């Protein structure tokens, strides 16, 4: 478990590092706090990877159900 004191100590910038010089896109685009305002599952930039994993998961579960679970249920009935 991380205590508040440890968390504050862990995020202190390294010596010689200027935290205002961060050029990360989310930092500049969203007020400098380093966080995006978009909920990650609703971020249009992640839709292709989400759809890919949806298709993979659906196919895996479909095959698992059709080959393993449903035949057992059918034999029981």
PDB file of N, CA and C in Angstrom:
ATOM      1  N   UNK A   1       0.845  -1.176   0.000  1.00  0.00           N
ATOM      2  CA  UNK A   1       0.000   0.000   0.000  1.00  0.00           C
ATOM      3  C   UNK A   1       0.892   1.242   0.000  1.00  0.00           C
ATOM      4  N   UNK A   2       0.503   2.247  -0.746  1.00  0.00           N
ATOM      5  CA  UNK A   2       1.290   3.465  -0.848  1.00  0.00           C
ATOM      6  C   UNK A   2       0.686   4.508   0.081  1.00  0.00           C
ATOM      7  N   UNK A   3       1.507   5.021   0.970  1.00  0.00           N
ATOM      8  CA  UNK A   3       1.031   6.061   1.868  1.00  0.00           C
ATOM      9  C   UNK A   3       1.122   7.412   1.179  1.00  0.00           C
ATOM     10  N   UNK A   4       0.445   8.398   1.707  1.00  0.00           N
ATOM     11  CA  UNK A   4       0.433   9.728   1.111  1.00  0.00           C
ATOM     12  C   UNK A   4       1.843  10.311   1.078  1.00  0.00           C
ATOM     13  N   UNK A   5       2.614  10.131   2.147  1.00  0.00           N
ATOM     14  CA  UNK A   5       3.968  10.669   2.186  1.00  0.00           C
ATOM     15  C   UNK A   5       4.840  10.015   1.120  1.00  0.00           C
ATOM     16  N   UNK A   6       4.714   8.713   0.951  1.00  0.00           N
ATOM     17  CA  UNK A   6       5.501   8.012  -0.060  1.00  0.00           C
ATOM     18  C   UNK A   6       5.084   8.452  -1.456  1.00  0.00           C
ATOM     19  N   UNK A   7       3.801   8.628  -1.677  1.00  0.00           N
ATOM     20  CA  UNK A   7       3.315   9.045  -2.987  1.00  0.00           C
ATOM     21  C   UNK A   7       3.834  10.435  -3.336  1.00  0.00           C
ATOM     22  N   UNK A   8       3.854  11.345  -2.371  1.00  0.00           N
ATOM     23  CA  UNK A   8       4.369  12.685  -2.633  1.00  0.00           C
ATOM     24  C   UNK A   8       5.860  12.638  -2.911  1.00  0.00           C
ATOM     25  N   UNK A   9       6.567  11.794  -2.183  1.00  0.00           N
ATOM     26  CA  UNK A   9       8.008  11.660  -2.381  1.00  0.00           C
ATOM     27  C   UNK A   9       8.326  11.047  -3.732  1.00  0.00           C
ATOM     28  N   UNK A  10       7.505  10.117  -4.178  1.00  0.00           N
ATOM     29  CA  UNK A  10       7.760   9.399  -5.415  1.00  0.00           C
ATOM     30  C   UNK A  10       7.545  10.270  -6.648  1.00  0.00           C
ATOM     31  N   UNK A  11       6.688  11.284  -6.572  1.00  0.00           N
ATOM     32  CA  UNK A  11       6.390  12.091  -7.750  1.00  0.00           C
ATOM     33  C   UNK A  11       7.186  13.383  -7.812  1.00  0.00           C
ATOM     34  N   UNK A  12       8.116  13.587  -6.887  1.00  0.00           N
ATOM     35  CA  UNK A  12       8.918  14.795  -6.967  1.00  0.00           C
ATOM     36  C   UNK A  12       9.826  14.708  -8.177  1.00  0.00           C
ATOM     37  N   UNK A  13       9.968  15.789  -8.924  1.00  0.00           N
ATOM     38  CA  UNK A  13      10.789  15.739 -10.134  1.00  0.00           C
ATOM     39  C   UNK A  13      12.267  15.575  -9.809  1.00  0.00           C
ATOM     40  N   UNK A  14      12.981  14.982 -10.748  1.00  0.00           N
ATOM     41  CA  UNK A  14      14.415  14.787 -10.581  1.00  0.00           C
ATOM     42  C   UNK A  14      15.122  16.131 -10.646  1.00  0.00           C
ATOM     43  N   UNK A  15      16.308  16.187 -10.055  1.00  0.00           N
ATOM     44  CA  UNK A  15      17.066  17.428 -10.086  1.00  0.00           C
ATOM     45  C   UNK A  15      17.417  17.793 -11.519  1.00  0.00           C
ATOM     46  N   UNK A  16      17.293  19.069 -11.842  1.00  0.00           N
ATOM     47  CA  UNK A  16      17.619  19.529 -13.178  1.00  0.00           C
ATOM     48  C   UNK A  16      16.490  19.340 -14.179  1.00  0.00           C
ATOM     49  N   UNK A  17      15.396  18.701 -13.781  1.00  0.00           N
ATOM     50  CA  UNK A  17      14.270  18.484 -14.685  1.00  0.00           C
ATOM     51  C   UNK A  17      13.264  19.604 -14.497  1.00  0.00           C
ATOM     52  N   UNK A  18      12.899  20.234 -15.596  1.00  0.00           N
ATOM     53  CA  UNK A  18      11.918  21.306 -15.562  1.00  0.00           C
ATOM     54  C   UNK A  18      10.544  20.721 -15.868  1.00  0.00           C
ATOM     55  N   UNK A  19       9.642  20.581 -14.876  1.00  0.00           N
ATOM     56  CA  UNK A  19       8.339  19.965 -15.126  1.00  0.00           C
ATOM     57  C   UNK A  19       7.473  20.775 -16.083  1.00  0.00           C
ATOM     58  N   UNK A  20       7.756  22.065 -16.253  1.00  0.00           N
ATOM     59  CA  UNK A  20       6.963  22.866 -17.180  1.00  0.00           C
ATOM     60  C   UNK A  20       7.408  22.671 -18.619  1.00  0.00           C
ATOM     61  N   UNK A  21       8.542  21.991 -18.834  1.00  0.00           N
ATOM     62  CA  UNK A  21       9.046  21.782 -20.191  1.00  0.00           C
ATOM     63  C   UNK A  21       8.536  20.483 -20.797  1.00  0.00           C
ATOM     64  N   UNK A  22       7.568  19.852 -20.168  1.00  0.00           N
ATOM     65  CA  UNK A  22       7.025  18.598 -20.683  1.00  0.00           C
ATOM     66  C   UNK A  22       6.284  18.876 -21.983  1.00  0.00           C
ATOM     67  N   UNK A  23       6.597  18.111 -23.023  1.00  0.00           N
ATOM     68  CA  UNK A  23       5.984  18.352 -24.336  1.00  0.00           C
ATOM     69  C   UNK A  23       4.970  17.296 -24.703  1.00  0.00           C
ATOM     70  N   UNK A  24       4.501  16.544 -23.758  1.00  0.00           N
ATOM     71  CA  UNK A  24       3.525  15.488 -24.041  1.00  0.00           C
ATOM     72  C   UNK A  24       2.230  16.124 -24.518  1.00  0.00           C
ATOM     73  N   UNK A  25       1.612  15.531 -25.511  1.00  0.00           N
ATOM     74  CA  UNK A  25       0.430  16.111 -26.161  1.00  0.00           C
ATOM     75  C   UNK A  25      -0.730  16.299 -25.194  1.00  0.00           C
ATOM     76  N   UNK A  26      -0.954  15.325 -24.298  1.00  0.00           N
ATOM     77  CA  UNK A  26      -2.089  15.470 -23.382  1.00  0.00           C
ATOM     78  C   UNK A  26      -1.847  16.597 -22.396  1.00  0.00           C
ATOM     79  N   UNK A  27      -0.584  16.837 -22.045  1.00  0.00           N
ATOM     80  CA  UNK A  27      -0.281  17.906 -21.111  1.00  0.00           C
ATOM     81  C   UNK A  27      -0.588  19.259 -21.737  1.00  0.00           C
ATOM     82  N   UNK A  28      -0.183  19.435 -22.973  1.00  0.00           N
ATOM     83  CA  UNK A  28      -0.408  20.717 -23.630  1.00  0.00           C
ATOM     84  C   UNK A  28      -1.872  20.927 -23.970  1.00  0.00           C
ATOM     85  N   UNK A  29      -2.541  19.883 -24.385  1.00  0.00           N
ATOM     86  CA  UNK A  29      -3.909  20.021 -24.871  1.00  0.00           C
ATOM     87  C   UNK A  29      -4.933  20.150 -23.754  1.00  0.00           C
ATOM     88  N   UNK A  30      -4.573  19.744 -22.549  1.00  0.00           N
ATOM     89  CA  UNK A  30      -5.587  19.687 -21.497  1.00  0.00           C
ATOM     90  C   UNK A  30      -5.169  20.430 -20.233  1.00  0.00           C
ATOM     91  N   UNK A  31      -4.637  21.587 -20.393  1.00  0.00           N
ATOM     92  CA  UNK A  31      -4.412  22.446 -19.254  1.00  0.00           C
ATOM     93  C   UNK A  31      -3.166  22.155 -18.447  1.00  0.00           C
ATOM     94  N   UNK A  32      -2.280  21.299 -18.892  1.00  0.00           N
ATOM     95  CA  UNK A  32      -1.028  21.087 -18.211  1.00  0.00           C
ATOM     96  C   UNK A  32      -1.075  20.136 -17.038  1.00  0.00           C
ATOM     97  N   UNK A  33      -2.181  19.438 -16.807  1.00  0.00           N
ATOM     98  CA  UNK A  33      -2.234  18.528 -15.670  1.00  0.00           C
ATOM     99  C   UNK A  33      -1.777  17.116 -16.027  1.00  0.00           C
ATOM    100  N   UNK A  34      -1.525  16.841 -17.306  1.00  0.00           N
ATOM    101  CA  UNK A  34      -1.034  15.540 -17.725  1.00  0.00           C
ATOM    102  C   UNK A  34      -2.112  14.492 -17.896  1.00  0.00           C
ATOM    103  N   UNK A  35      -3.367  14.870 -17.717  1.00  0.00           N
ATOM    104  CA  UNK A  35      -4.452  13.912 -17.848  1.00  0.00           C
ATOM    105  C   UNK A  35      -5.378  14.333 -18.980  1.00  0.00           C
ATOM    106  N   UNK A  36      -5.871  13.330 -19.681  1.00  0.00           N
ATOM    107  CA  UNK A  36      -6.804  13.593 -20.764  1.00  0.00           C
ATOM    108  C   UNK A  36      -8.212  13.734 -20.186  1.00  0.00           C
ATOM    109  N   UNK A  37      -9.044  14.541 -20.843  1.00  0.00           N
ATOM    110  CA  UNK A  37     -10.423  14.718 -20.390  1.00  0.00           C
ATOM    111  C   UNK A  37     -11.337  13.625 -20.926  1.00  0.00           C
ATOM    112  N   UNK A  38     -10.831  12.763 -21.803  1.00  0.00           N
ATOM    113  CA  UNK A  38     -11.639  11.737 -22.445  1.00  0.00           C
ATOM    114  C   UNK A  38     -11.502  10.427 -21.678  1.00  0.00           C
ATOM    115  N   UNK A  39     -12.637   9.804 -21.368  1.00  0.00           N
ATOM    116  CA  UNK A  39     -12.642   8.491 -20.742  1.00  0.00           C
ATOM    117  C   UNK A  39     -12.051   7.503 -21.745  1.00  0.00           C
ATOM    118  N   UNK A  40     -10.992   6.758 -21.395  1.00  0.00           N
ATOM    119  CA  UNK A  40     -10.262   5.943 -22.373  1.00  0.00           C
ATOM    120  C   UNK A  40     -11.123   5.039 -23.266  1.00  0.00           C
ATOM    121  N   UNK A  41     -12.144   4.341 -22.758  1.00  0.00           N
ATOM    122  CA  UNK A  41     -12.934   3.525 -23.678  1.00  0.00           C
ATOM    123  C   UNK A  41     -13.721   4.337 -24.710  1.00  0.00           C
ATOM    124  N   UNK A  42     -13.939   5.620 -24.454  1.00  0.00           N
ATOM    125  CA  UNK A  42     -14.675   6.463 -25.390  1.00  0.00           C
ATOM    126  C   UNK A  42     -13.753   7.322 -26.247  1.00  0.00           C
ATOM    127  N   UNK A  43     -12.457   7.139 -26.127  1.00  0.00           N
ATOM    128  CA  UNK A  43     -11.494   7.907 -26.903  1.00  0.00           C
ATOM    129  C   UNK A  43     -11.454   7.360 -28.326  1.00  0.00           C
ATOM    130  N   UNK A  44     -11.820   8.149 -29.326  1.00  0.00           N
ATOM    131  CA  UNK A  44     -11.839   7.646 -30.712  1.00  0.00           C
ATOM    132  C   UNK A  44     -10.489   7.126 -31.204  1.00  0.00           C
ATOM    133  N   UNK A  45      -9.402   7.546 -30.597  1.00  0.00           N
ATOM    134  CA  UNK A  45      -8.086   7.087 -31.012  1.00  0.00           C
ATOM    135  C   UNK A  45      -7.866   5.615 -30.670  1.00  0.00           C
ATOM    136  N   UNK A  46      -8.626   5.088 -29.708  1.00  0.00           N
ATOM    137  CA  UNK A  46      -8.435   3.694 -29.292  1.00  0.00           C
ATOM    138  C   UNK A  46      -9.489   2.753 -29.873  1.00  0.00           C
ATOM    139  N   UNK A  47     -10.401   3.256 -30.707  1.00  0.00           N
ATOM    140  CA  UNK A  47     -11.461   2.405 -31.253  1.00  0.00           C
ATOM    141  C   UNK A  47     -10.941   1.214 -32.050  1.00  0.00           C
ATOM    142  N   UNK A  48      -9.957   1.386 -32.945  1.00  0.00           N
ATOM    143  CA  UNK A  48      -9.503   0.215 -33.724  1.00  0.00           C
ATOM    144  C   UNK A  48      -8.981  -0.923 -32.850  1.00  0.00           C
ATOM    145  N   UNK A  49      -8.181  -0.616 -31.841  1.00  0.00           N
ATOM    146  CA  UNK A  49      -7.662  -1.678 -30.977  1.00  0.00           C
ATOM    147  C   UNK A  49      -8.773  -2.288 -30.129  1.00  0.00           C
ATOM    148  N   UNK A  50      -9.738  -1.466 -29.711  1.00  0.00           N
ATOM    149  CA  UNK A  50     -10.863  -2.007 -28.949  1.00  0.00           C
ATOM    150  C   UNK A  50     -11.685  -2.970 -29.800  1.00  0.00           C
ATOM    151  N   UNK A  51     -11.922  -2.606 -31.056  1.00  0.00           N
ATOM    152  CA  UNK A  51     -12.695  -3.486 -31.944  1.00  0.00           C
ATOM    153  C   UNK A  51     -11.937  -4.777 -32.240  1.00  0.00           C
ATOM    154  N   UNK A  52     -10.633  -4.692 -32.386  1.00  0.00           N
ATOM    155  CA  UNK A  52      -9.825  -5.892 -32.604  1.00  0.00           C
ATOM    156  C   UNK A  52      -9.942  -6.847 -31.418  1.00  0.00           C
ATOM    157  N   UNK A  53      -9.768  -6.327 -30.201  1.00  0.00           N
ATOM    158  CA  UNK A  53      -9.854  -7.193 -29.022  1.00  0.00           C
ATOM    159  C   UNK A  53     -11.282  -7.688 -28.782  1.00  0.00           C
ATOM    160  N   UNK A  54     -12.283  -6.912 -29.169  1.00  0.00           N
ATOM    161  CA  UNK A  54     -13.662  -7.374 -29.083  1.00  0.00           C
ATOM    162  C   UNK A  54     -13.863  -8.583 -29.991  1.00  0.00           C
ATOM    163  N   UNK A  55     -13.372  -8.503 -31.224  1.00  0.00           N
ATOM    164  CA  UNK A  55     -13.512  -9.611 -32.178  1.00  0.00           C
ATOM    165  C   UNK A  55     -12.760 -10.851 -31.699  1.00  0.00           C
ATOM    166  N   UNK A  56     -11.544 -10.658 -31.187  1.00  0.00           N
ATOM    167  CA  UNK A  56     -10.760 -11.796 -30.686  1.00  0.00           C
ATOM    168  C   UNK A  56     -11.454 -12.447 -29.500  1.00  0.00           C
ATOM    169  N   UNK A  57     -11.924 -11.643 -28.566  1.00  0.00           N
ATOM    170  CA  UNK A  57     -12.599 -12.176 -27.378  1.00  0.00           C
ATOM    171  C   UNK A  57     -13.897 -12.878 -27.736  1.00  0.00           C
ATOM    172  N   UNK A  58     -14.671 -12.279 -28.633  1.00  0.00           N
ATOM    173  CA  UNK A  58     -15.933 -12.883 -29.042  1.00  0.00           C
ATOM    174  C   UNK A  58     -15.690 -14.224 -29.716  1.00  0.00           C
ATOM    175  N   UNK A  59     -14.721 -14.275 -30.619  1.00  0.00           N
ATOM    176  CA  UNK A  59     -14.417 -15.518 -31.324  1.00  0.00           C
ATOM    177  C   UNK A  59     -13.944 -16.602 -30.352  1.00  0.00           C
ATOM    178  N   UNK A  60     -13.080 -16.234 -29.430  1.00  0.00           N
ATOM    179  CA  UNK A  60     -12.577 -17.206 -28.452  1.00  0.00           C
ATOM    180  C   UNK A  60     -13.708 -17.741 -27.577  1.00  0.00           C
ATOM    181  N   UNK A  61     -14.569 -16.865 -27.081  1.00  0.00           N
ATOM    182  CA  UNK A  61     -15.676 -17.312 -26.236  1.00  0.00           C
ATOM    183  C   UNK A  61     -16.694 -18.125 -27.034  1.00  0.00           C
ATOM    184  N   UNK A  62     -16.931 -17.744 -28.285  1.00  0.00           N
ATOM    185  CA  UNK A  62     -17.864 -18.488 -29.131  1.00  0.00           C
ATOM    186  C   UNK A  62     -17.363 -19.911 -29.359  1.00  0.00           C
ATOM    187  N   UNK A  63     -16.086 -20.041 -29.688  1.00  0.00           N
ATOM    188  CA  UNK A  63     -15.507 -21.367 -29.911  1.00  0.00           C
ATOM    189  C   UNK A  63     -15.519 -22.182 -28.622  1.00  0.00           C
ATOM    190  N   UNK A  64     -15.149 -21.562 -27.517  1.00  0.00           N
ATOM    191  CA  UNK A  64     -15.152 -22.251 -26.229  1.00  0.00           C
ATOM    192  C   UNK A  64     -16.550 -22.752 -25.871  1.00  0.00           C
ATOM    193  N   UNK A  65     -17.545 -21.903 -26.043  1.00  0.00           N
ATOM    194  CA  UNK A  65     -18.918 -22.300 -25.716  1.00  0.00           C
ATOM    195  C   UNK A  65     -19.412 -23.397 -26.651  1.00  0.00           C
ATOM    196  N   UNK A  66     -19.153 -23.273 -27.955  1.00  0.00           N
ATOM    197  CA  UNK A  66     -19.690 -24.243 -28.909  1.00  0.00           C
ATOM    198  C   UNK A  66     -18.992 -25.594 -28.825  1.00  0.00           C
ATOM    199  N   UNK A  67     -17.733 -25.625 -28.458  1.00  0.00           N
ATOM    200  CA  UNK A  67     -16.980 -26.884 -28.434  1.00  0.00           C
ATOM    201  C   UNK A  67     -16.953 -27.549 -27.057  1.00  0.00           C
ATOM    202  N   UNK A  68     -17.074 -26.771 -25.988  1.00  0.00           N
ATOM    203  CA  UNK A  68     -16.917 -27.339 -24.644  1.00  0.00           C
ATOM    204  C   UNK A  68     -18.210 -27.264 -23.831  1.00  0.00           C
ATOM    205  N   UNK A  69     -18.715 -26.080 -23.616  1.00  0.00           N
ATOM    206  CA  UNK A  69     -19.809 -25.899 -22.668  1.00  0.00           C
ATOM    207  C   UNK A  69     -21.154 -26.390 -23.200  1.00  0.00           C
ATOM    208  N   UNK A  70     -21.516 -26.017 -24.406  1.00  0.00           N
ATOM    209  CA  UNK A  70     -22.834 -26.396 -24.924  1.00  0.00           C
ATOM    210  C   UNK A  70     -23.001 -27.885 -25.148  1.00  0.00           C
ATOM    211  N   UNK A  71     -21.992 -28.632 -25.618  1.00  0.00           N
ATOM    212  CA  UNK A  71     -22.168 -30.076 -25.707  1.00  0.00           C
ATOM    213  C   UNK A  71     -22.405 -30.737 -24.349  1.00  0.00           C
ATOM    214  N   UNK A  72     -21.774 -30.232 -23.296  1.00  0.00           N
ATOM    215  CA  UNK A  72     -22.006 -30.785 -21.957  1.00  0.00           C
ATOM    216  C   UNK A  72     -23.427 -30.509 -21.491  1.00  0.00           C
ATOM    217  N   UNK A  73     -23.910 -29.295 -21.761  1.00  0.00           N
ATOM    218  CA  UNK A  73     -25.273 -28.948 -21.388  1.00  0.00           C
ATOM    219  C   UNK A  73     -26.258 -29.780 -22.200  1.00  0.00           C
ATOM    220  N   UNK A  74     -25.987 -29.954 -23.492  1.00  0.00           N
ATOM    221  CA  UNK A  74     -26.868 -30.737 -24.362  1.00  0.00           C
ATOM    222  C   UNK A  74     -26.932 -32.198 -23.944  1.00  0.00           C
ATOM    223  N   UNK A  75     -25.813 -32.777 -23.523  1.00  0.00           N
ATOM    224  CA  UNK A  75     -25.819 -34.176 -23.078  1.00  0.00           C
ATOM    225  C   UNK A  75     -26.557 -34.338 -21.746  1.00  0.00           C
ATOM    226  N   UNK A  76     -26.518 -33.302 -20.927  1.00  0.00           N
ATOM    227  CA  UNK A  76     -27.232 -33.353 -19.652  1.00  0.00           C
ATOM    228  C   UNK A  76     -28.741 -33.285 -19.874  1.00  0.00           C
ATOM    229  N   UNK A  77     -29.165 -32.442 -20.792  1.00  0.00           N
ATOM    230  CA  UNK A  77     -30.592 -32.282 -21.084  1.00  0.00           C
ATOM    231  C   UNK A  77     -31.081 -33.510 -21.800  1.00  0.00           C
TER     232      UNK A  77
END
